[in-house]
Amino acid sequence: MYALRLSIAIFCKLNNAFATCIFSFFSHFYLGGIIWISTLLVLSLSVACQGGEFPDIVNFLIDLMRYPNVKVHGDVFPTLLVLVCSDIQVVRRFLECKLVSVYSPGGKMSIIIYLVGVCFYAALPLTTVSGTDFAQKICCASFLDDVKFYHAVGVSVFLWASWHQNRAVNQFAKLRQNKSGSVENTRHHIPHGGLFQFVSCPHYTMEIIIYLSLCIITAFQNNMLVALFVFVLINQVVTGYFTHAWYKETFKNYPKDRKAVLPFLL
């Protein structure tokens, strides 16, 4: 436990040391994700349905991601579902950043966090494709025959979590808007209602569930996607923990029974 706390403290000091005012929004991550995920989705459809091939550069990146574990386990159809869901996710988050969220004018983003975000959305579709056996082909004209129960469960969980994440983003924005929707202030406030009754960071909670749903869609057979989920879980829990601590330190009347990210647990 001491080692974990020490590691977190060192990371925070490095993060602050490299802090620079780049942008207080994350639209770069999502715009890049839209372009890259959409590209790999189209290419994957061509390979899976029409017998095409990935460009050499994409094959090189896939081989690089697979090394040294060349063997893959993921099926093609759930991979396509994951890419579609991932595309929906980044499009929604991009639109929220540009049209919904209200950011503090003095907000800062660490160069480390910025680079991690860019790399994450570059890696998301690539890990999905790299963990898939494209030797299997599907008939796009009868794709419904490939639908399994866990595909439906995963997509349902994804849509549910996406809706709740969007709701949390809107709740945050309304804290700084008047009744007509105009920005009234850029101060921090205590959010209430919805999942905020249980956790300080429901948008982080839903982020975890969204990436869990992608693993459900693939029946946890895509090892690379599972590893990405573990990264998201750790990242969101740690970030949520410090955000929760900041809320409690800043607002003396902050609800004491509210947790950080995981309801009733943490």
C-alpha atoms as a PDB file:
ATOM      1  CA  MET A   1       0.000   0.000   0.000  1.00  0.00           C
ATOM      2  CA  TYR A   2       2.866   2.371   0.842  1.00  0.00           C
ATOM      3  CA  ALA A   3       4.495   1.636  -2.525  1.00  0.00           C
ATOM      4  CA  LEU A   4       1.220   2.372  -4.333  1.00  0.00           C
ATOM      5  CA  ARG A   5       0.787   5.701  -2.549  1.00  0.00           C
ATOM      6  CA  LEU A   6       4.410   6.616  -3.239  1.00  0.00           C
ATOM      7  CA  SER A   7       3.993   5.783  -6.939  1.00  0.00           C
ATOM      8  CA  ILE A   8       0.852   7.906  -7.180  1.00  0.00           C
ATOM      9  CA  ALA A   9       2.576  10.814  -5.403  1.00  0.00           C
ATOM     10  CA  ILE A  10       5.567  10.647  -7.776  1.00  0.00           C
ATOM     11  CA  PHE A  11       3.247  10.552 -10.792  1.00  0.00           C
ATOM     12  CA  CYS A  12       1.341  13.607  -9.553  1.00  0.00           C
ATOM     13  CA  LYS A  13       4.572  15.573  -9.020  1.00  0.00           C
ATOM     14  CA  LEU A  14       5.769  14.707 -12.528  1.00  0.00           C
ATOM     15  CA  ASN A  15       2.362  15.562 -13.907  1.00  0.00           C
ATOM     16  CA  ASN A  16       2.414  18.992 -12.260  1.00  0.00           C
ATOM     17  CA  ALA A  17       5.995  19.595 -13.316  1.00  0.00           C
ATOM     18  CA  PHE A  18       5.074  19.165 -16.976  1.00  0.00           C
ATOM     19  CA  ALA A  19       1.746  20.978 -16.683  1.00  0.00           C
ATOM     20  CA  THR A  20       1.103  23.415 -19.481  1.00  0.00           C
ATOM     21  CA  CYS A  21      -1.986  25.181 -20.730  1.00  0.00           C
ATOM     22  CA  ILE A  22      -2.646  23.294 -23.956  1.00  0.00           C
ATOM     23  CA  PHE A  23      -6.413  23.166 -24.093  1.00  0.00           C
ATOM     24  CA  SER A  24      -9.041  22.635 -21.438  1.00  0.00           C
ATOM     25  CA  PHE A  25     -11.018  20.285 -23.648  1.00  0.00           C
ATOM     26  CA  PHE A  26     -10.357  16.876 -25.095  1.00  0.00           C
ATOM     27  CA  SER A  27     -11.735  17.278 -28.604  1.00  0.00           C
ATOM     28  CA  HIS A  28      -8.335  16.448 -30.134  1.00  0.00           C
ATOM     29  CA  PHE A  29      -8.518  12.938 -28.684  1.00  0.00           C
ATOM     30  CA  TYR A  30     -11.972  12.313 -30.048  1.00  0.00           C
ATOM     31  CA  LEU A  31     -11.452  13.892 -33.458  1.00  0.00           C
ATOM     32  CA  GLY A  32      -8.372  11.754 -33.985  1.00  0.00           C
ATOM     33  CA  GLY A  33     -10.314   8.752 -32.686  1.00  0.00           C
ATOM     34  CA  ILE A  34     -13.158   9.366 -35.142  1.00  0.00           C
ATOM     35  CA  ILE A  35     -10.774   9.422 -38.095  1.00  0.00           C
ATOM     36  CA  TRP A  36      -8.695   6.402 -37.003  1.00  0.00           C
ATOM     37  CA  ILE A  37     -11.546   4.188 -35.761  1.00  0.00           C
ATOM     38  CA  SER A  38     -13.689   4.918 -38.819  1.00  0.00           C
ATOM     39  CA  THR A  39     -10.752   4.091 -41.087  1.00  0.00           C
ATOM     40  CA  LEU A  40     -10.095   0.738 -39.387  1.00  0.00           C
ATOM     41  CA  LEU A  41     -13.824  -0.050 -39.350  1.00  0.00           C
ATOM     42  CA  VAL A  42     -14.071   0.439 -43.117  1.00  0.00           C
ATOM     43  CA  LEU A  43     -10.893  -1.575 -43.705  1.00  0.00           C
ATOM     44  CA  SER A  44     -12.059  -4.358 -41.384  1.00  0.00           C
ATOM     45  CA  LEU A  45     -15.406  -4.570 -43.195  1.00  0.00           C
ATOM     46  CA  SER A  46     -13.550  -4.863 -46.488  1.00  0.00           C
ATOM     47  CA  VAL A  47     -11.301  -7.645 -45.166  1.00  0.00           C
ATOM     48  CA  ALA A  48     -14.058  -9.556 -43.371  1.00  0.00           C
ATOM     49  CA  CYS A  49     -16.826  -9.280 -45.952  1.00  0.00           C
ATOM     50  CA  GLN A  50     -15.108  -8.830 -49.305  1.00  0.00           C
ATOM     51  CA  GLY A  51     -11.847 -10.696 -48.801  1.00  0.00           C
ATOM     52  CA  GLY A  52      -9.729  -7.573 -49.055  1.00  0.00           C
ATOM     53  CA  GLU A  53      -6.437  -6.942 -47.291  1.00  0.00           C
ATOM     54  CA  PHE A  54      -5.199  -4.351 -44.844  1.00  0.00           C
ATOM     55  CA  PRO A  55      -2.652  -1.837 -46.202  1.00  0.00           C
ATOM     56  CA  ASP A  56       0.972  -2.705 -45.449  1.00  0.00           C
ATOM     57  CA  ILE A  57       1.273  -0.017 -42.776  1.00  0.00           C
ATOM     58  CA  VAL A  58      -1.789  -1.377 -40.942  1.00  0.00           C
ATOM     59  CA  ASN A  59      -0.445  -4.943 -41.185  1.00  0.00           C
ATOM     60  CA  PHE A  60       2.849  -3.710 -39.764  1.00  0.00           C
ATOM     61  CA  LEU A  61       1.069  -2.076 -36.809  1.00  0.00           C
ATOM     62  CA  ILE A  62      -1.031  -5.208 -36.225  1.00  0.00           C
ATOM     63  CA  ASP A  63       2.064  -7.418 -36.184  1.00  0.00           C
ATOM     64  CA  LEU A  64       3.744  -4.949 -33.843  1.00  0.00           C
ATOM     65  CA  MET A  65       0.810  -5.076 -31.428  1.00  0.00           C
ATOM     66  CA  ARG A  66       0.680  -8.878 -31.529  1.00  0.00           C
ATOM     67  CA  TYR A  67       4.378  -9.437 -30.845  1.00  0.00           C
ATOM     68  CA  PRO A  68       5.419 -11.726 -29.219  1.00  0.00           C
ATOM     69  CA  ASN A  69       1.981 -13.380 -28.835  1.00  0.00           C
ATOM     70  CA  VAL A  70       1.106 -14.036 -32.452  1.00  0.00           C
ATOM     71  CA  LYS A  71      -1.885 -16.246 -31.628  1.00  0.00           C
ATOM     72  CA  VAL A  72      -5.202 -14.376 -31.479  1.00  0.00           C
ATOM     73  CA  HIS A  73      -8.634 -15.454 -30.280  1.00  0.00           C
ATOM     74  CA  GLY A  74     -11.165 -12.770 -31.188  1.00  0.00           C
ATOM     75  CA  ASP A  75     -13.908 -13.448 -33.751  1.00  0.00           C
ATOM     76  CA  VAL A  76     -14.553 -11.043 -36.613  1.00  0.00           C
ATOM     77  CA  PHE A  77     -18.213 -10.153 -36.019  1.00  0.00           C
ATOM     78  CA  PRO A  78     -17.846  -8.958 -32.397  1.00  0.00           C
ATOM     79  CA  THR A  79     -14.760  -7.006 -33.473  1.00  0.00           C
ATOM     80  CA  LEU A  80     -16.878  -5.108 -35.980  1.00  0.00           C
ATOM     81  CA  LEU A  81     -19.445  -4.460 -33.247  1.00  0.00           C
ATOM     82  CA  VAL A  82     -16.732  -3.127 -30.948  1.00  0.00           C
ATOM     83  CA  LEU A  83     -15.446  -0.801 -33.675  1.00  0.00           C
ATOM     84  CA  VAL A  84     -18.969   0.507 -34.309  1.00  0.00           C
ATOM     85  CA  CYS A  85     -19.524   1.107 -30.586  1.00  0.00           C
ATOM     86  CA  SER A  86     -16.101   2.768 -30.292  1.00  0.00           C
ATOM     87  CA  ASP A  87     -16.960   5.056 -33.199  1.00  0.00           C
ATOM     88  CA  ILE A  88     -20.255   5.999 -31.543  1.00  0.00           C
ATOM     89  CA  GLN A  89     -18.381   6.721 -28.315  1.00  0.00           C
ATOM     90  CA  VAL A  90     -15.794   9.075 -29.820  1.00  0.00           C
ATOM     91  CA  VAL A  91     -18.372  10.887 -31.985  1.00  0.00           C
ATOM     92  CA  ARG A  92     -20.593  11.458 -28.952  1.00  0.00           C
ATOM     93  CA  ARG A  93     -17.695  12.640 -26.784  1.00  0.00           C
ATOM     94  CA  PHE A  94     -16.488  14.985 -29.541  1.00  0.00           C
ATOM     95  CA  LEU A  95     -19.933  16.548 -29.859  1.00  0.00           C
ATOM     96  CA  GLU A  96     -20.208  16.861 -26.074  1.00  0.00           C
ATOM     97  CA  CYS A  97     -16.845  18.632 -25.936  1.00  0.00           C
ATOM     98  CA  LYS A  98     -17.796  21.091 -28.663  1.00  0.00           C
ATOM     99  CA  LEU A  99     -21.500  21.633 -27.923  1.00  0.00           C
ATOM    100  CA  VAL A 100     -22.242  20.746 -24.301  1.00  0.00           C
ATOM    101  CA  SER A 101     -19.352  21.003 -21.856  1.00  0.00           C
ATOM    102  CA  VAL A 102     -18.448  24.317 -20.219  1.00  0.00           C
ATOM    103  CA  TYR A 103     -14.750  24.499 -19.349  1.00  0.00           C
ATOM    104  CA  SER A 104     -12.879  26.765 -16.981  1.00  0.00           C
ATOM    105  CA  PRO A 105     -10.952  29.438 -18.949  1.00  0.00           C
ATOM    106  CA  GLY A 106      -7.823  28.844 -16.853  1.00  0.00           C
ATOM    107  CA  GLY A 107      -7.981  25.075 -17.136  1.00  0.00           C
ATOM    108  CA  LYS A 108      -4.673  23.290 -17.649  1.00  0.00           C
ATOM    109  CA  MET A 109      -3.810  19.928 -19.082  1.00  0.00           C
ATOM    110  CA  SER A 110      -0.555  18.139 -18.498  1.00  0.00           C
ATOM    111  CA  ILE A 111       1.453  17.300 -21.608  1.00  0.00           C
ATOM    112  CA  ILE A 112       1.674  13.772 -20.198  1.00  0.00           C
ATOM    113  CA  ILE A 113      -2.115  13.452 -19.986  1.00  0.00           C
ATOM    114  CA  TYR A 114      -2.473  14.936 -23.460  1.00  0.00           C
ATOM    115  CA  LEU A 115      -0.078  12.414 -25.014  1.00  0.00           C
ATOM    116  CA  VAL A 116      -1.644   9.513 -23.104  1.00  0.00           C
ATOM    117  CA  GLY A 117      -5.069  10.531 -24.438  1.00  0.00           C
ATOM    118  CA  VAL A 118      -3.876  10.724 -28.025  1.00  0.00           C
ATOM    119  CA  CYS A 119      -2.092   7.366 -27.754  1.00  0.00           C
ATOM    120  CA  PHE A 120      -5.104   5.731 -26.105  1.00  0.00           C
ATOM    121  CA  TYR A 121      -7.517   6.549 -28.917  1.00  0.00           C
ATOM    122  CA  ALA A 122      -4.905   5.516 -31.452  1.00  0.00           C
ATOM    123  CA  ALA A 123      -4.477   2.181 -29.649  1.00  0.00           C
ATOM    124  CA  LEU A 124      -8.180   1.437 -29.032  1.00  0.00           C
ATOM    125  CA  PRO A 125      -9.175   0.256 -32.542  1.00  0.00           C
ATOM    126  CA  LEU A 126      -5.733  -1.167 -33.247  1.00  0.00           C
ATOM    127  CA  THR A 127      -5.808  -3.444 -30.193  1.00  0.00           C
ATOM    128  CA  THR A 128      -9.309  -4.540 -31.176  1.00  0.00           C
ATOM    129  CA  VAL A 129      -8.234  -5.467 -34.697  1.00  0.00           C
ATOM    130  CA  SER A 130      -4.909  -6.960 -33.577  1.00  0.00           C
ATOM    131  CA  GLY A 131      -6.672  -9.397 -31.252  1.00  0.00           C
ATOM    132  CA  THR A 132      -8.892 -10.727 -34.043  1.00  0.00           C
ATOM    133  CA  ASP A 133      -8.521 -13.724 -36.318  1.00  0.00           C
ATOM    134  CA  PHE A 134      -9.357 -12.303 -39.748  1.00  0.00           C
ATOM    135  CA  ALA A 135      -8.880 -15.707 -41.351  1.00  0.00           C
ATOM    136  CA  GLN A 136     -12.554 -16.114 -40.459  1.00  0.00           C
ATOM    137  CA  LYS A 137     -14.887 -14.466 -42.932  1.00  0.00           C
ATOM    138  CA  ILE A 138     -18.477 -13.352 -42.509  1.00  0.00           C
ATOM    139  CA  CYS A 139     -21.319 -12.843 -44.936  1.00  0.00           C
ATOM    140  CA  CYS A 140     -22.500  -9.276 -44.462  1.00  0.00           C
ATOM    141  CA  ALA A 141     -25.790 -10.121 -46.196  1.00  0.00           C
ATOM    142  CA  SER A 142     -26.707 -12.543 -43.379  1.00  0.00           C
ATOM    143  CA  PHE A 143     -24.805 -11.027 -40.461  1.00  0.00           C
ATOM    144  CA  LEU A 144     -27.788 -11.539 -38.118  1.00  0.00           C
ATOM    145  CA  ASP A 145     -26.924 -15.239 -38.094  1.00  0.00           C
ATOM    146  CA  ASP A 146     -23.716 -14.329 -36.241  1.00  0.00           C
ATOM    147  CA  VAL A 147     -25.472 -12.465 -33.415  1.00  0.00           C
ATOM    148  CA  LYS A 148     -25.053 -14.133 -30.016  1.00  0.00           C
ATOM    149  CA  PHE A 149     -26.722 -13.417 -26.676  1.00  0.00           C
ATOM    150  CA  TYR A 150     -23.604 -11.833 -25.181  1.00  0.00           C
ATOM    151  CA  HIS A 151     -23.369  -9.479 -28.189  1.00  0.00           C
ATOM    152  CA  ALA A 152     -26.818  -8.135 -27.331  1.00  0.00           C
ATOM    153  CA  VAL A 153     -25.927  -7.868 -23.636  1.00  0.00           C
ATOM    154  CA  GLY A 154     -22.696  -6.000 -24.374  1.00  0.00           C
ATOM    155  CA  VAL A 155     -24.314  -3.547 -26.780  1.00  0.00           C
ATOM    156  CA  SER A 156     -27.180  -2.943 -24.317  1.00  0.00           C
ATOM    157  CA  VAL A 157     -24.728  -2.228 -21.490  1.00  0.00           C
ATOM    158  CA  PHE A 158     -22.771   0.073 -23.808  1.00  0.00           C
ATOM    159  CA  LEU A 159     -25.865   2.085 -24.742  1.00  0.00           C
ATOM    160  CA  TRP A 160     -27.014   2.280 -21.105  1.00  0.00           C
ATOM    161  CA  ALA A 161     -23.618   3.505 -19.891  1.00  0.00           C
ATOM    162  CA  SER A 162     -23.299   5.955 -22.788  1.00  0.00           C
ATOM    163  CA  TRP A 163     -26.671   7.484 -21.939  1.00  0.00           C
ATOM    164  CA  HIS A 164     -25.718   7.902 -18.286  1.00  0.00           C
ATOM    165  CA  GLN A 165     -22.333   9.379 -19.187  1.00  0.00           C
ATOM    166  CA  ASN A 166     -24.035  11.887 -21.474  1.00  0.00           C
ATOM    167  CA  ARG A 167     -26.471  12.715 -18.679  1.00  0.00           C
ATOM    168  CA  ALA A 168     -23.585  13.385 -16.266  1.00  0.00           C
ATOM    169  CA  VAL A 169     -21.856  15.645 -18.810  1.00  0.00           C
ATOM    170  CA  ASN A 170     -25.083  17.624 -19.246  1.00  0.00           C
ATOM    171  CA  GLN A 171     -25.499  17.900 -15.469  1.00  0.00           C
ATOM    172  CA  PHE A 172     -21.987  19.311 -15.157  1.00  0.00           C
ATOM    173  CA  ALA A 173     -22.691  21.841 -17.917  1.00  0.00           C
ATOM    174  CA  LYS A 174     -25.978  22.999 -16.373  1.00  0.00           C
ATOM    175  CA  LEU A 175     -24.182  23.875 -13.143  1.00  0.00           C
ATOM    176  CA  ARG A 176     -22.565  26.745 -15.064  1.00  0.00           C
ATOM    177  CA  GLN A 177     -25.585  27.750 -17.143  1.00  0.00           C
ATOM    178  CA  ASN A 178     -28.729  29.723 -16.461  1.00  0.00           C
ATOM    179  CA  LYS A 179     -32.218  28.480 -17.275  1.00  0.00           C
ATOM    180  CA  SER A 180     -31.933  29.678 -20.877  1.00  0.00           C
ATOM    181  CA  GLY A 181     -28.767  27.630 -21.396  1.00  0.00           C
ATOM    182  CA  SER A 182     -26.323  30.562 -21.497  1.00  0.00           C
ATOM    183  CA  VAL A 183     -23.038  30.233 -19.604  1.00  0.00           C
ATOM    184  CA  GLU A 184     -23.462  32.114 -16.350  1.00  0.00           C
ATOM    185  CA  ASN A 185     -20.206  31.242 -14.569  1.00  0.00           C
ATOM    186  CA  THR A 186     -17.220  28.925 -14.729  1.00  0.00           C
ATOM    187  CA  ARG A 187     -16.944  28.144 -11.023  1.00  0.00           C
ATOM    188  CA  HIS A 188     -17.000  24.650  -9.576  1.00  0.00           C
ATOM    189  CA  HIS A 189     -20.211  23.517  -7.887  1.00  0.00           C
ATOM    190  CA  ILE A 190     -21.436  20.430  -6.088  1.00  0.00           C
ATOM    191  CA  PRO A 191     -23.448  18.313  -8.555  1.00  0.00           C
ATOM    192  CA  HIS A 192     -26.610  16.581  -7.343  1.00  0.00           C
ATOM    193  CA  GLY A 193     -29.131  14.160  -8.752  1.00  0.00           C
ATOM    194  CA  GLY A 194     -28.836  11.034 -10.841  1.00  0.00           C
ATOM    195  CA  LEU A 195     -25.730   8.965 -10.206  1.00  0.00           C
ATOM    196  CA  PHE A 196     -24.143  11.905  -8.396  1.00  0.00           C
ATOM    197  CA  GLN A 197     -26.116  10.748  -5.380  1.00  0.00           C
ATOM    198  CA  PHE A 198     -23.769   7.758  -5.190  1.00  0.00           C
ATOM    199  CA  VAL A 199     -20.425   8.877  -6.651  1.00  0.00           C
ATOM    200  CA  SER A 200     -18.544  12.096  -7.326  1.00  0.00           C
ATOM    201  CA  CYS A 201     -17.479  11.001 -10.813  1.00  0.00           C
ATOM    202  CA  PRO A 202     -20.266   9.036 -12.541  1.00  0.00           C
ATOM    203  CA  HIS A 203     -18.727   9.931 -15.920  1.00  0.00           C
ATOM    204  CA  TYR A 204     -15.656   7.949 -14.846  1.00  0.00           C
ATOM    205  CA  THR A 205     -17.850   5.111 -13.586  1.00  0.00           C
ATOM    206  CA  MET A 206     -19.623   4.967 -16.935  1.00  0.00           C
ATOM    207  CA  GLU A 207     -16.297   5.088 -18.794  1.00  0.00           C
ATOM    208  CA  ILE A 208     -15.282   1.933 -16.950  1.00  0.00           C
ATOM    209  CA  ILE A 209     -18.597   0.239 -17.766  1.00  0.00           C
ATOM    210  CA  ILE A 210     -18.386   1.299 -21.425  1.00  0.00           C
ATOM    211  CA  TYR A 211     -15.055  -0.466 -21.879  1.00  0.00           C
ATOM    212  CA  LEU A 212     -16.281  -3.412 -19.857  1.00  0.00           C
ATOM    213  CA  SER A 213     -19.189  -3.674 -22.311  1.00  0.00           C
ATOM    214  CA  LEU A 214     -16.734  -3.911 -25.220  1.00  0.00           C
ATOM    215  CA  CYS A 215     -15.112  -6.882 -23.497  1.00  0.00           C
ATOM    216  CA  ILE A 216     -18.555  -8.446 -22.997  1.00  0.00           C
ATOM    217  CA  ILE A 217     -19.237  -8.111 -26.731  1.00  0.00           C
ATOM    218  CA  THR A 218     -16.092 -10.131 -27.451  1.00  0.00           C
ATOM    219  CA  ALA A 219     -16.841 -12.598 -24.600  1.00  0.00           C
ATOM    220  CA  PHE A 220     -13.475 -11.537 -23.086  1.00  0.00           C
ATOM    221  CA  GLN A 221     -11.704 -13.486 -25.869  1.00  0.00           C
ATOM    222  CA  ASN A 222      -9.763 -10.486 -27.144  1.00  0.00           C
ATOM    223  CA  ASN A 223      -6.897 -10.352 -24.652  1.00  0.00           C
ATOM    224  CA  MET A 224      -5.624  -7.011 -25.909  1.00  0.00           C
ATOM    225  CA  LEU A 225      -9.014  -5.399 -25.422  1.00  0.00           C
ATOM    226  CA  VAL A 226      -9.182  -6.817 -21.896  1.00  0.00           C
ATOM    227  CA  ALA A 227      -5.780  -5.270 -21.175  1.00  0.00           C
ATOM    228  CA  LEU A 228      -7.088  -1.924 -22.434  1.00  0.00           C
ATOM    229  CA  PHE A 229     -10.079  -2.236 -20.111  1.00  0.00           C
ATOM    230  CA  VAL A 230      -7.757  -2.857 -17.150  1.00  0.00           C
ATOM    231  CA  PHE A 231      -5.877   0.328 -18.073  1.00  0.00           C
ATOM    232  CA  VAL A 232      -9.138   2.302 -18.185  1.00  0.00           C
ATOM    233  CA  LEU A 233     -10.243   0.824 -14.853  1.00  0.00           C
ATOM    234  CA  ILE A 234      -7.024   1.810 -13.069  1.00  0.00           C
ATOM    235  CA  ASN A 235      -6.850   5.223 -14.728  1.00  0.00           C
ATOM    236  CA  GLN A 236     -10.449   6.178 -13.953  1.00  0.00           C
ATOM    237  CA  VAL A 237     -10.336   4.905 -10.363  1.00  0.00           C
ATOM    238  CA  VAL A 238      -7.116   6.808  -9.576  1.00  0.00           C
ATOM    239  CA  THR A 239      -8.317   9.995 -11.308  1.00  0.00           C
ATOM    240  CA  GLY A 240     -11.716   9.736  -9.626  1.00  0.00           C
ATOM    241  CA  TYR A 241     -10.088   9.222  -6.226  1.00  0.00           C
ATOM    242  CA  PHE A 242      -8.145  12.484  -6.473  1.00  0.00           C
ATOM    243  CA  THR A 243     -11.154  14.351  -7.876  1.00  0.00           C
ATOM    244  CA  HIS A 244     -13.266  13.097  -4.965  1.00  0.00           C
ATOM    245  CA  ALA A 245     -10.579  14.187  -2.494  1.00  0.00           C
ATOM    246  CA  TRP A 246     -10.522  17.645  -4.101  1.00  0.00           C
ATOM    247  CA  TYR A 247     -14.311  17.952  -3.774  1.00  0.00           C
ATOM    248  CA  LYS A 248     -14.176  17.041  -0.074  1.00  0.00           C
ATOM    249  CA  GLU A 249     -11.326  19.466   0.578  1.00  0.00           C
ATOM    250  CA  THR A 250     -12.911  22.327  -1.387  1.00  0.00           C
ATOM    251  CA  PHE A 251     -16.512  22.022  -0.212  1.00  0.00           C
ATOM    252  CA  LYS A 252     -16.947  21.629   3.539  1.00  0.00           C
ATOM    253  CA  ASN A 253     -20.603  20.624   3.113  1.00  0.00           C
ATOM    254  CA  TYR A 254     -19.814  17.914   0.547  1.00  0.00           C
ATOM    255  CA  PRO A 255     -22.015  14.789   1.024  1.00  0.00           C
ATOM    256  CA  LYS A 256     -20.100  12.457   3.332  1.00  0.00           C
ATOM    257  CA  ASP A 257     -21.749   9.238   2.139  1.00  0.00           C
ATOM    258  CA  ARG A 258     -20.830   9.845  -1.509  1.00  0.00           C
ATOM    259  CA  LYS A 259     -18.038   7.662  -2.920  1.00  0.00           C
ATOM    260  CA  ALA A 260     -15.495   8.528  -5.618  1.00  0.00           C
ATOM    261  CA  VAL A 261     -16.131   6.161  -8.532  1.00  0.00           C
ATOM    262  CA  LEU A 262     -17.490   2.814  -7.350  1.00  0.00           C
ATOM    263  CA  PRO A 263     -20.857   3.114  -5.504  1.00  0.00           C
ATOM    264  CA  PHE A 264     -20.703   1.973  -1.860  1.00  0.00           C
ATOM    265  CA  LEU A 265     -17.058   0.863  -2.310  1.00  0.00           C
ATOM    266  CA  LEU A 266     -14.567   3.544  -3.357  1.00  0.00           C
END
